[in-house]
Amino acid sequence: MPAESRFDHFAKSFLGLGRKDRVLGGGSERRVYLDTTATALMPEVVWRGLEDYFQVACANSHTEAHRAGRDTTRAIEDSRDAIGRLVGYQPERDVVLFTANGATGAANFLARALFPSELRSVLKRFPAGPPPELLRALGAGLSDSGRAVLDEMVARPLVVVTTMEHHSNLIPWMEAVGHHNLRAARVDPVTGALDLADLERILEQEGQRVRLVAVTGVSNVTGIVNPVHQIARQAHAVGAQILVDGAQWVPHARVEMHSADPAASLDYLVLSGHKLYAPGSRGALIGSLETLSGRRCVTDVGGGMVEYVTLQDFELKDDVTAREEAGTPNIPGSIAMGLVAEALLLIGMDEVAEREHRLTEKLVRRLERVPGIRIYGSTDLERYPRAGVVSFNIQGLHHGLVAAYLNDFHDIAVRDGCFCAHPYVKALLRVDDQTEACYRQEMLCGDRRNVPGMVRASLGVYSTEDDVEALGSALEQLVQRADEMVRRYFGDRDGTFRLSDAPPLPGNFTVADEVERWLGAKLPAEARGAGAVAGA
């Protein structure tokens, strides 16, 4: 099958495409899913692959005693390798570790590896560096490798991030080293791009004290692509390592962790399976086998990660994937990620990137025609490339109202708010410190009605020009009906916008409905919790 038709076959195979839902005002509309950056839809290769797995090989891993157990273990390891190949890993020097909770779990895992939890208080309590007598006391109770880790933490206590980061690549480092050991490179609030000169200044100023540079490959707010290999050179020039948050990068571009120039190679990469067309799956950390094998990051202990256990002690396995992935893994999630990775490798990520680049350009140009719109970040996609994400506001309309209207009247799914990237959104919106303090106080009191934010439309391989036109047309209709919608919608304290003159649309799915459909009988009233009401 030619590469072109492979892409089309994949793009048309996603569950939920083409369905129609009821909308307010009467009738139904074709579902338009423009929230891929939050979670992608599932392709046929995943659900069919999982269906086949559960039919013929469902079992636990960690056993060679029977065929299904062997098949399960092999499927997990094949998936691990496929994910590595998707990002250009070198299996002789890199390892792929599965983690819980997407890229958040992966970043936290690396933070524990580089800055062990039991030693973090040393960095947090002593901004100017711990006193020598404390270091001697701590070192006396550590192994040789433990003392080496402590010495490295004290010598290189700093982590450099950027204002662009998703919270999953910001808060773990803040928690690990304390805010006084964190440096953040600025962004240009007009273009939305990372200020590379400011990053260079920080690295030159802090020099040998920097342990890690943590930067996103693609912003989840603007879709702007960062020159991560250039940043890797800057980090390595001062002896630091680099971590790239690939959650939004890997699904939309060809990623090569290693470069012909070793100084431009990436040390660590994290990603989220649920953004990689495998909803309900896992996170992954890809990085140095030598470093990660030499660090005990274990937070969960139990089955599968020990060589021997007595009532007095236990011995951990040397293999890092066994040691750090205790217990029964998310088997279907692991397999789902492998299925998608193999499919994308077969299609070719250059093809994916080229198709999405063209559609992103069309999305930007179509939105520019909407009266009163403000798109955040530069719309010059040649100078500031984007990967499938555009965030915007409509003059005079709350971002929550815009998102609610698109859902209620047009069945278009977008996201609104700050997208777990508060510092970046604040910079793009030009929110000053005094105004932010007011918003913060309101939020701490449980009132999110006035919190500033944006509306985000994000694309996937299944997105089409028809989707782009549907969004543009719906926004133009909203602008024409703006006064009416401002009267009809009200904001709850939780920030949700609802119509005052119409009930909310019923949901399409509840657990209770599924069980009743399968049983052919009604569940008792007490079995239908609050979450089930929407589907009634």
Protein backbone atom coordinates (compact mmCIF):
# COMPACT_ATOMS: atom_id res chain seq x y z
CA MET A 1 0.00 0.00 0.00
CA PRO A 2 1.53 3.38 -1.03
CA ALA A 3 2.47 5.80 1.76
CA GLU A 4 -0.19 8.29 0.67
CA SER A 5 -3.03 5.80 0.97
CA ARG A 6 -1.61 4.46 4.24
CA PHE A 7 -2.03 7.90 5.76
CA ASP A 8 -5.58 8.23 4.43
CA HIS A 9 -6.50 4.74 5.64
CA PHE A 10 -5.18 5.56 9.12
CA ALA A 11 -6.77 9.02 9.25
CA LYS A 12 -10.23 7.71 8.38
CA SER A 13 -10.14 4.81 10.85
CA PHE A 14 -10.69 6.69 14.12
CA LEU A 15 -13.61 5.86 16.36
CA GLY A 16 -16.29 8.53 16.58
CA LEU A 17 -15.62 10.23 13.27
CA GLY A 18 -18.73 11.12 11.30
CA ARG A 19 -21.18 10.68 14.18
CA LYS A 20 -23.93 13.26 14.63
CA ASP A 21 -25.21 14.63 17.92
CA ARG A 22 -28.19 16.71 18.95
CA VAL A 23 -27.53 20.42 19.26
CA LEU A 24 -29.52 23.24 20.77
CA GLY A 25 -31.82 25.02 18.40
CA GLY A 26 -33.01 21.75 16.87
CA GLY A 27 -31.51 19.11 14.66
CA SER A 28 -28.08 17.55 14.81
CA GLU A 29 -24.56 18.39 13.68
CA ARG A 30 -21.56 16.32 12.67
CA ARG A 31 -19.15 15.96 15.55
CA VAL A 32 -15.99 18.04 15.07
CA TYR A 33 -13.23 17.07 17.47
CA LEU A 34 -10.66 19.85 17.90
CA ASP A 35 -9.34 18.90 21.34
CA THR A 36 -6.60 16.50 20.28
CA THR A 37 -3.95 18.25 22.35
CA ALA A 38 -5.86 17.23 25.48
CA THR A 39 -6.48 13.64 24.35
CA ALA A 40 -6.47 12.11 20.89
CA LEU A 41 -9.11 9.81 19.44
CA MET A 42 -8.47 6.07 19.02
CA PRO A 43 -7.70 4.51 15.61
CA GLU A 44 -8.90 1.16 14.38
CA VAL A 45 -5.44 -0.40 14.67
CA VAL A 46 -5.62 0.10 18.45
CA TRP A 47 -9.12 -1.12 19.21
CA ARG A 48 -8.88 -4.06 16.80
CA GLY A 49 -5.44 -4.94 18.10
CA LEU A 50 -6.66 -4.87 21.69
CA GLU A 51 -9.74 -6.89 20.79
CA ASP A 52 -7.50 -9.54 19.24
CA TYR A 53 -5.20 -9.50 22.26
CA PHE A 54 -8.05 -10.05 24.71
CA GLN A 55 -9.42 -12.85 22.54
CA VAL A 56 -6.21 -14.86 22.19
CA ALA A 57 -3.56 -13.73 24.66
CA CYS A 58 -5.11 -12.11 27.72
CA ALA A 59 -2.88 -12.87 30.70
CA ASN A 60 -0.46 -11.25 33.09
CA SER A 61 3.13 -10.61 32.13
CA HIS A 62 6.21 -11.79 34.07
CA THR A 63 5.74 -15.46 33.20
CA GLU A 64 7.01 -17.93 30.63
CA ALA A 65 4.85 -20.75 31.99
CA HIS A 66 2.13 -20.53 29.34
CA ARG A 67 1.63 -19.15 25.87
CA ALA A 68 -0.61 -16.21 26.76
CA GLY A 69 1.81 -15.04 29.44
CA ARG A 70 4.71 -15.23 26.98
CA ASP A 71 2.68 -13.38 24.34
CA THR A 72 1.77 -10.65 26.82
CA THR A 73 5.35 -10.15 27.97
CA ARG A 74 6.59 -10.06 24.38
CA ALA A 75 3.86 -7.59 23.35
CA ILE A 76 4.91 -5.19 26.12
CA GLU A 77 8.57 -5.42 25.14
CA ASP A 78 7.76 -5.06 21.43
CA SER A 79 5.76 -1.94 22.28
CA ARG A 80 8.66 -0.58 24.31
CA ASP A 81 10.94 -1.01 21.30
CA ALA A 82 8.42 0.50 18.86
CA ILE A 83 8.10 3.64 20.98
CA GLY A 84 11.87 3.91 21.12
CA ARG A 85 12.18 3.58 17.34
CA LEU A 86 9.47 6.20 16.84
CA VAL A 87 11.70 8.77 18.58
CA GLY A 88 15.00 7.52 17.16
CA TYR A 89 16.43 5.88 20.25
CA GLN A 90 19.59 3.80 20.28
CA PRO A 91 18.73 0.56 22.09
CA GLU A 92 22.31 -0.09 23.11
CA ARG A 93 22.48 3.19 25.03
CA ASP A 94 18.86 4.19 25.75
CA VAL A 95 16.02 2.65 27.71
CA VAL A 96 12.25 3.14 27.41
CA LEU A 97 10.49 3.18 30.77
CA PHE A 98 6.71 3.07 31.01
CA THR A 99 5.21 5.36 33.63
CA ALA A 100 1.78 6.12 35.01
CA ASN A 101 -0.07 9.39 34.33
CA GLY A 102 1.43 10.26 30.97
CA ALA A 103 4.31 12.70 30.60
CA THR A 104 3.62 13.95 34.13
CA GLY A 105 4.60 10.58 35.56
CA ALA A 106 7.64 10.38 33.29
CA ALA A 107 8.94 13.82 34.29
CA ASN A 108 8.42 13.02 37.97
CA PHE A 109 10.32 9.78 37.52
CA LEU A 110 13.30 11.60 36.01
CA ALA A 111 13.15 14.20 38.78
CA ARG A 112 13.45 11.39 41.34
CA ALA A 113 16.38 9.92 39.41
CA LEU A 114 18.33 13.17 39.23
CA PHE A 115 17.26 14.59 42.59
CA PRO A 116 16.39 11.71 44.97
CA SER A 117 13.55 12.56 47.32
CA GLU A 118 15.54 11.81 50.48
CA LEU A 119 18.19 14.40 49.50
CA ARG A 120 15.95 17.19 48.17
CA SER A 121 15.61 18.96 51.50
CA VAL A 122 19.32 19.80 51.29
CA LEU A 123 18.68 21.93 48.20
CA LYS A 124 15.43 23.45 49.44
CA ARG A 125 16.59 24.46 52.93
CA PHE A 126 19.90 26.02 51.96
CA PRO A 127 19.60 28.39 48.97
CA ALA A 128 23.29 29.35 49.27
CA GLY A 129 24.37 25.71 49.55
CA PRO A 130 24.38 23.31 52.50
CA PRO A 131 27.05 23.73 55.20
CA PRO A 132 30.05 21.37 54.96
CA GLU A 133 29.29 19.67 58.28
CA LEU A 134 25.81 18.72 57.04
CA LEU A 135 27.24 17.28 53.83
CA ARG A 136 29.72 15.21 55.81
CA ALA A 137 26.96 13.89 58.04
CA LEU A 138 24.74 13.03 55.10
CA GLY A 139 27.57 11.47 53.14
CA ALA A 140 28.55 9.24 56.04
CA GLY A 141 25.29 7.36 55.77
CA LEU A 142 25.39 6.87 52.00
CA SER A 143 26.96 4.35 49.67
CA ASP A 144 29.66 5.44 47.24
CA SER A 145 27.06 5.89 44.51
CA GLY A 146 24.79 7.78 46.93
CA ARG A 147 27.60 10.17 47.86
CA ALA A 148 28.27 10.73 44.16
CA VAL A 149 24.62 11.67 43.63
CA LEU A 150 24.71 14.03 46.62
CA ASP A 151 27.93 15.67 45.40
CA GLU A 152 26.42 16.15 41.95
CA MET A 153 23.22 17.65 43.39
CA VAL A 154 25.20 20.14 45.47
CA ALA A 155 27.57 21.05 42.63
CA ARG A 156 24.79 21.36 40.06
CA PRO A 157 21.59 22.28 41.91
CA LEU A 158 19.92 24.30 39.15
CA VAL A 159 17.24 23.34 36.64
CA VAL A 160 16.52 25.68 33.74
CA VAL A 161 12.99 25.64 32.33
CA THR A 162 11.06 28.03 30.09
CA THR A 163 7.96 30.14 30.60
CA MET A 164 6.38 28.04 27.84
CA GLU A 165 6.26 24.80 29.83
CA HIS A 166 3.22 22.70 30.60
CA HIS A 167 2.92 22.25 34.35
CA SER A 168 4.05 18.62 33.97
CA ASN A 169 7.49 19.90 32.93
CA LEU A 170 7.58 22.69 35.50
CA ILE A 171 6.14 21.61 38.84
CA PRO A 172 8.23 18.40 39.15
CA TRP A 173 11.39 20.50 38.94
CA MET A 174 10.07 23.15 41.29
CA GLU A 175 9.25 20.38 43.73
CA ALA A 176 12.64 18.72 43.25
CA VAL A 177 14.99 21.68 43.72
CA GLY A 178 12.88 24.51 45.15
CA HIS A 179 11.96 27.73 43.37
CA HIS A 180 15.29 29.38 44.26
CA ASN A 181 17.13 26.71 42.22
CA LEU A 182 14.85 27.11 39.21
CA ARG A 183 15.57 29.50 36.34
CA ALA A 184 12.97 30.22 33.64
CA ALA A 185 13.81 31.57 30.19
CA ARG A 186 11.37 34.21 28.95
CA VAL A 187 9.08 34.11 25.94
CA ASP A 188 8.25 36.91 23.55
CA PRO A 189 4.61 37.78 24.39
CA VAL A 190 3.99 38.95 20.81
CA THR A 191 5.40 36.03 18.81
CA GLY A 192 4.89 33.48 21.56
CA ALA A 193 8.36 32.11 20.83
CA LEU A 194 11.01 31.19 23.35
CA ASP A 195 13.60 33.93 23.89
CA LEU A 196 16.71 31.95 22.96
CA ALA A 197 18.97 34.86 23.86
CA ASP A 198 17.57 34.87 27.39
CA LEU A 199 18.12 31.13 27.65
CA GLU A 200 21.71 31.60 26.50
CA ARG A 201 22.19 34.37 29.06
CA ILE A 202 20.96 32.14 31.88
CA LEU A 203 23.27 29.31 30.85
CA GLU A 204 26.27 31.60 30.53
CA GLN A 205 25.53 33.22 33.87
CA GLU A 206 24.91 30.01 35.82
CA GLY A 207 27.36 27.84 33.89
CA GLN A 208 28.51 24.74 35.72
CA ARG A 209 25.74 24.96 38.34
CA VAL A 210 23.06 23.84 35.84
CA ARG A 211 22.13 20.15 36.06
CA LEU A 212 19.30 20.05 33.53
CA VAL A 213 17.55 22.12 30.88
CA ALA A 214 13.88 21.07 30.60
CA VAL A 215 12.06 22.37 27.53
CA THR A 216 8.95 21.49 25.57
CA GLY A 217 9.33 20.35 21.97
CA VAL A 218 6.01 21.89 20.95
CA SER A 219 3.83 24.22 23.03
CA ASN A 220 0.46 22.83 24.00
CA VAL A 221 -0.91 26.42 23.95
CA THR A 222 0.32 27.86 20.65
CA GLY A 223 1.79 24.83 18.89
CA ILE A 224 5.04 26.74 18.38
CA VAL A 225 7.95 24.38 17.70
CA ASN A 226 11.14 24.86 19.68
CA PRO A 227 14.63 24.27 18.18
CA VAL A 228 15.42 21.56 20.71
CA HIS A 229 18.64 20.36 19.10
CA GLN A 230 20.02 23.90 19.15
CA ILE A 231 19.01 24.15 22.80
CA ALA A 232 20.73 20.80 23.43
CA ARG A 233 23.99 22.29 22.17
CA GLN A 234 23.57 25.24 24.53
CA ALA A 235 22.90 22.92 27.48
CA HIS A 236 25.76 20.56 26.72
CA ALA A 237 28.17 23.48 26.31
CA VAL A 238 27.93 24.11 30.07
CA GLY A 239 27.92 20.43 30.99
CA ALA A 240 24.17 20.18 31.59
CA GLN A 241 21.76 17.58 30.24
CA ILE A 242 18.54 18.24 28.34
CA LEU A 243 15.04 16.87 28.78
CA VAL A 244 12.46 17.48 26.06
CA ASP A 245 8.75 17.25 26.82
CA GLY A 246 7.58 15.44 23.71
CA ALA A 247 3.91 15.08 24.64
CA GLN A 248 2.82 17.49 21.91
CA TRP A 249 5.87 17.00 19.68
CA VAL A 250 6.05 13.25 19.09
CA PRO A 251 2.52 12.83 17.62
CA HIS A 252 3.06 15.58 15.06
CA ALA A 253 6.66 15.44 13.80
CA ARG A 254 9.55 13.13 13.01
CA VAL A 255 11.61 12.98 16.17
CA GLU A 256 15.25 11.93 16.27
CA MET A 257 16.72 11.94 19.76
CA HIS A 258 20.24 11.48 18.47
CA SER A 259 22.03 13.76 16.04
CA ALA A 260 25.14 13.32 13.89
CA ASP A 261 26.53 16.01 16.16
CA PRO A 262 26.56 14.42 19.64
CA ALA A 263 26.30 17.87 21.23
CA ALA A 264 22.87 18.27 19.60
CA SER A 265 21.49 14.94 20.85
CA LEU A 266 18.76 14.75 23.47
CA ASP A 267 19.47 13.10 26.79
CA TYR A 268 15.88 12.47 27.85
CA LEU A 269 12.45 12.57 26.25
CA VAL A 270 9.03 12.15 27.87
CA LEU A 271 5.73 11.55 26.09
CA SER A 272 2.07 10.73 26.75
CA GLY A 273 0.34 7.82 25.08
CA HIS A 274 -3.09 9.44 25.32
CA LYS A 275 -1.89 12.27 23.07
CA LEU A 276 -0.30 9.72 20.73
CA TYR A 277 -3.63 8.25 19.57
CA ALA A 278 -3.68 5.71 22.41
CA PRO A 279 -6.20 7.07 24.94
CA GLY A 280 -6.16 5.29 28.27
CA SER A 281 -2.52 4.27 27.91
CA ARG A 282 0.68 5.24 29.70
CA GLY A 283 3.53 7.71 29.76
CA ALA A 284 7.07 6.94 28.70
CA LEU A 285 10.54 8.19 29.57
CA ILE A 286 13.29 7.53 27.05
CA GLY A 287 16.83 8.22 28.19
CA SER A 288 20.29 7.10 29.13
CA LEU A 289 20.39 3.43 30.09
CA GLU A 290 23.59 4.01 32.05
CA THR A 291 22.19 6.89 34.10
CA LEU A 292 18.76 5.41 34.76
CA SER A 293 20.13 1.93 35.53
CA GLY A 294 22.49 3.43 38.08
CA ARG A 295 19.80 5.33 39.97
CA ARG A 296 17.27 3.62 42.21
CA CYS A 297 14.11 5.67 41.70
CA VAL A 298 11.74 3.09 43.13
CA THR A 299 8.64 4.59 44.71
CA ASP A 300 6.38 1.56 44.27
CA VAL A 301 7.66 -1.77 45.54
CA GLY A 302 6.07 -5.17 45.14
CA GLY A 303 5.87 -7.96 42.63
CA GLY A 304 8.01 -8.34 39.55
CA MET A 305 10.87 -6.07 40.61
CA VAL A 306 12.74 -8.23 43.09
CA GLU A 307 15.16 -11.13 42.75
CA TYR A 308 14.64 -12.51 46.24
CA VAL A 309 12.58 -11.74 49.33
CA THR A 310 12.80 -12.83 52.97
CA LEU A 311 10.94 -11.57 56.01
CA GLN A 312 13.97 -9.43 56.79
CA ASP A 313 14.93 -7.88 53.44
CA PHE A 314 14.70 -8.07 49.66
CA GLU A 315 17.01 -7.77 46.65
CA LEU A 316 16.02 -5.61 43.70
CA LYS A 317 16.54 -6.74 40.13
CA ASP A 318 19.36 -5.14 38.18
CA ASP A 319 17.26 -4.72 35.03
CA VAL A 320 15.97 -1.16 35.18
CA THR A 321 12.66 -1.83 33.43
CA ALA A 322 11.81 -4.65 35.85
CA ARG A 323 13.07 -2.74 38.88
CA GLU A 324 11.20 0.48 38.15
CA GLU A 325 7.90 -0.99 36.88
CA ALA A 326 6.64 -2.89 39.90
CA GLY A 327 3.38 -4.80 39.88
CA THR A 328 1.03 -5.67 37.07
CA PRO A 329 1.43 -3.03 34.38
CA ASN A 330 -1.23 -1.32 32.33
CA ILE A 331 -1.00 -4.08 29.74
CA PRO A 332 -3.60 -2.81 27.23
CA GLY A 333 -2.18 0.69 27.54
CA SER A 334 1.32 -0.54 26.78
CA ILE A 335 0.15 -2.54 23.78
CA ALA A 336 -1.95 0.37 22.49
CA MET A 337 1.11 2.63 22.44
CA GLY A 338 3.09 0.00 20.55
CA LEU A 339 0.33 -0.48 17.98
CA VAL A 340 0.17 3.25 17.28
CA ALA A 341 3.94 3.63 17.17
CA GLU A 342 4.28 0.85 14.60
CA ALA A 343 1.46 2.32 12.51
CA LEU A 344 3.02 5.79 12.53
CA LEU A 345 6.43 4.37 11.62
CA LEU A 346 4.82 2.58 8.68
CA ILE A 347 3.00 5.72 7.52
CA GLY A 348 6.05 7.93 8.04
CA MET A 349 6.13 10.90 10.39
CA ASP A 350 7.39 13.19 7.63
CA GLU A 351 4.08 12.58 5.86
CA VAL A 352 2.15 13.26 9.06
CA ALA A 353 4.06 16.48 9.71
CA GLU A 354 3.61 17.76 6.16
CA ARG A 355 -0.15 17.10 6.13
CA GLU A 356 -0.64 18.74 9.52
CA HIS A 357 1.51 21.73 8.58
CA ARG A 358 -0.74 22.43 5.60
CA LEU A 359 -3.91 22.05 7.67
CA THR A 360 -2.53 24.23 10.47
CA GLU A 361 -1.83 26.95 7.90
CA LYS A 362 -5.43 26.68 6.66
CA LEU A 363 -6.73 26.84 10.24
CA VAL A 364 -4.78 30.00 11.02
CA ARG A 365 -5.86 31.71 7.78
CA ARG A 366 -9.51 30.74 8.27
CA LEU A 367 -9.58 32.03 11.84
CA GLU A 368 -7.97 35.30 10.79
CA ARG A 369 -11.15 36.03 8.82
CA VAL A 370 -13.35 35.90 11.93
CA PRO A 371 -14.25 39.45 13.10
CA GLY A 372 -12.83 40.40 16.48
CA ILE A 373 -10.55 37.40 16.82
CA ARG A 374 -7.12 37.55 18.42
CA ILE A 375 -4.77 34.66 17.73
CA TYR A 376 -1.97 34.24 20.25
CA GLY A 377 1.55 33.92 18.95
CA SER A 378 2.85 34.83 15.52
CA THR A 379 0.80 33.72 12.53
CA ASP A 380 3.92 33.72 10.34
CA LEU A 381 4.25 29.96 10.19
CA GLU A 382 7.41 30.08 8.11
CA ARG A 383 9.34 31.97 10.80
CA TYR A 384 7.48 30.43 13.73
CA PRO A 385 6.30 26.94 12.76
CA ARG A 386 3.31 25.47 14.59
CA ALA A 387 2.24 21.89 15.04
CA GLY A 388 -1.54 21.68 14.97
CA VAL A 389 -2.49 24.11 17.76
CA VAL A 390 -4.08 27.58 17.67
CA SER A 391 -5.32 29.49 20.73
CA PHE A 392 -7.49 32.58 20.43
CA ASN A 393 -10.10 34.85 21.96
CA ILE A 394 -13.09 36.70 20.53
CA GLN A 395 -13.35 40.34 21.51
CA GLY A 396 -16.02 40.92 24.18
CA LEU A 397 -16.72 37.23 24.80
CA HIS A 398 -15.49 35.09 27.69
CA HIS A 399 -13.43 32.11 26.55
CA GLY A 400 -15.75 29.81 28.50
CA LEU A 401 -18.79 31.15 26.69
CA VAL A 402 -17.14 30.62 23.29
CA ALA A 403 -16.29 26.99 24.10
CA ALA A 404 -19.77 26.30 25.48
CA TYR A 405 -21.47 27.84 22.44
CA LEU A 406 -19.38 25.78 20.01
CA ASN A 407 -20.36 22.61 21.84
CA ASP A 408 -24.03 23.43 22.46
CA PHE A 409 -24.96 24.80 19.04
CA HIS A 410 -22.44 23.17 16.67
CA ASP A 411 -21.10 20.00 18.34
CA ILE A 412 -17.55 21.32 18.04
CA ALA A 413 -15.20 20.23 20.83
CA VAL A 414 -12.53 22.75 21.79
CA ARG A 415 -10.91 23.52 25.14
CA ASP A 416 -10.77 26.77 27.07
CA GLY A 417 -8.79 28.04 30.03
CA CYS A 418 -5.07 28.12 30.72
CA PHE A 419 -4.30 24.57 29.52
CA CYS A 420 -2.06 23.67 32.49
CA ALA A 421 0.41 26.32 31.33
CA HIS A 422 -0.43 29.28 33.57
CA PRO A 423 2.87 31.22 33.27
CA TYR A 424 2.82 31.05 29.46
CA VAL A 425 -0.83 32.03 29.13
CA LYS A 426 -0.29 34.88 31.58
CA ALA A 427 2.63 36.13 29.45
CA LEU A 428 0.63 35.94 26.20
CA LEU A 429 -2.36 37.71 27.76
CA ARG A 430 -0.08 40.39 29.27
CA VAL A 431 -1.56 39.87 32.76
CA ASP A 432 0.39 42.05 35.21
CA ASP A 433 1.30 40.90 38.71
CA GLN A 434 -1.31 43.04 40.47
CA THR A 435 -4.12 41.75 38.28
CA GLU A 436 -2.88 38.20 38.69
CA ALA A 437 -2.96 38.60 42.48
CA CYS A 438 -6.65 39.53 42.27
CA TYR A 439 -7.45 36.53 40.07
CA ARG A 440 -5.48 34.26 42.37
CA GLN A 441 -7.44 35.40 45.41
CA GLU A 442 -10.74 34.79 43.62
CA MET A 443 -9.61 31.31 42.56
CA LEU A 444 -8.49 30.41 46.07
CA CYS A 445 -11.98 31.40 47.23
CA GLY A 446 -13.49 29.00 44.71
CA ASP A 447 -14.61 31.56 42.13
CA ARG A 448 -13.19 30.98 38.64
CA ARG A 449 -15.66 33.10 36.67
CA ASN A 450 -13.21 35.91 35.95
CA VAL A 451 -10.08 33.86 35.40
CA PRO A 452 -8.47 34.89 32.11
CA GLY A 453 -7.82 32.28 29.48
CA MET A 454 -8.14 31.37 25.83
CA VAL A 455 -9.95 29.03 23.48
CA ARG A 456 -7.80 26.32 21.93
CA ALA A 457 -8.40 24.40 18.72
CA SER A 458 -6.04 21.50 18.11
CA LEU A 459 -5.67 19.14 15.17
CA GLY A 460 -4.87 15.47 14.71
CA VAL A 461 -4.23 13.23 11.73
CA TYR A 462 -8.01 12.78 11.41
CA SER A 463 -8.73 16.52 11.19
CA THR A 464 -9.94 17.86 7.84
CA GLU A 465 -10.51 21.07 5.93
CA ASP A 466 -14.22 20.59 6.62
CA ASP A 467 -13.45 20.70 10.36
CA VAL A 468 -11.54 23.95 9.89
CA GLU A 469 -14.40 25.50 7.93
CA ALA A 470 -16.96 24.32 10.48
CA LEU A 471 -15.06 26.10 13.26
CA GLY A 472 -14.61 29.29 11.27
CA SER A 473 -18.26 29.40 10.24
CA ALA A 474 -19.49 28.69 13.78
CA LEU A 475 -17.35 31.48 15.21
CA GLU A 476 -18.67 33.93 12.62
CA GLN A 477 -22.22 32.99 13.60
CA LEU A 478 -21.34 33.52 17.25
CA VAL A 479 -19.99 36.99 16.51
CA GLN A 480 -23.29 37.84 14.80
CA ARG A 481 -25.25 36.54 17.80
CA ALA A 482 -22.86 37.83 20.46
CA ASP A 483 -25.32 40.10 22.29
CA GLU A 484 -27.93 37.35 22.41
CA MET A 485 -25.46 34.78 23.74
CA VAL A 486 -24.11 37.12 26.41
CA ARG A 487 -27.69 37.48 27.68
CA ARG A 488 -28.44 33.77 27.55
CA TYR A 489 -25.26 32.31 29.05
CA PHE A 490 -24.14 32.65 32.64
CA GLY A 491 -20.94 31.55 34.32
CA ASP A 492 -20.90 29.23 37.34
CA ARG A 493 -18.35 29.72 40.09
CA ASP A 494 -16.38 26.78 38.69
CA GLY A 495 -15.92 28.68 35.42
CA THR A 496 -18.41 26.61 33.42
CA PHE A 497 -20.82 28.51 31.16
CA ARG A 498 -24.43 27.36 30.88
CA LEU A 499 -27.57 28.56 29.18
CA SER A 500 -30.12 30.12 31.49
CA ASP A 501 -33.06 29.28 29.22
CA ALA A 502 -32.35 25.68 28.17
CA PRO A 503 -31.34 22.47 29.96
CA PRO A 504 -27.90 21.03 29.22
CA LEU A 505 -27.68 18.53 26.41
CA PRO A 506 -27.72 14.90 27.57
CA GLY A 507 -24.44 13.04 27.53
CA ASN A 508 -23.69 10.16 25.17
CA PHE A 509 -22.18 7.72 27.65
CA THR A 510 -22.59 6.53 31.24
CA VAL A 511 -21.38 3.38 32.95
CA ALA A 512 -24.92 2.61 34.11
CA ASP A 513 -26.33 2.89 30.58
CA GLU A 514 -23.74 0.46 29.24
CA VAL A 515 -24.47 -2.11 31.94
CA GLU A 516 -28.24 -1.78 31.43
CA ARG A 517 -27.84 -2.21 27.69
CA TRP A 518 -25.78 -5.36 28.22
CA LEU A 519 -28.09 -6.82 30.88
CA GLY A 520 -31.28 -5.78 29.16
CA ALA A 521 -32.60 -4.61 32.50
CA LYS A 522 -32.75 -1.44 34.56
CA LEU A 523 -30.32 -0.94 37.42
CA PRO A 524 -31.72 0.12 40.81
CA ALA A 525 -31.87 3.86 41.35
CA GLU A 526 -29.05 3.84 43.90
CA ALA A 527 -26.72 2.32 41.28
CA ARG A 528 -27.14 5.35 39.05
CA GLY A 529 -24.88 7.90 40.69
CA ALA A 530 -24.67 11.61 39.97
CA GLY A 531 -22.45 10.96 36.98
CA ALA A 532 -25.11 8.86 35.29
CA VAL A 533 -27.78 11.55 35.21
CA ALA A 534 -26.44 13.20 32.07
CA GLY A 535 -27.25 10.16 29.98
CA ALA A 536 -30.79 9.75 31.28
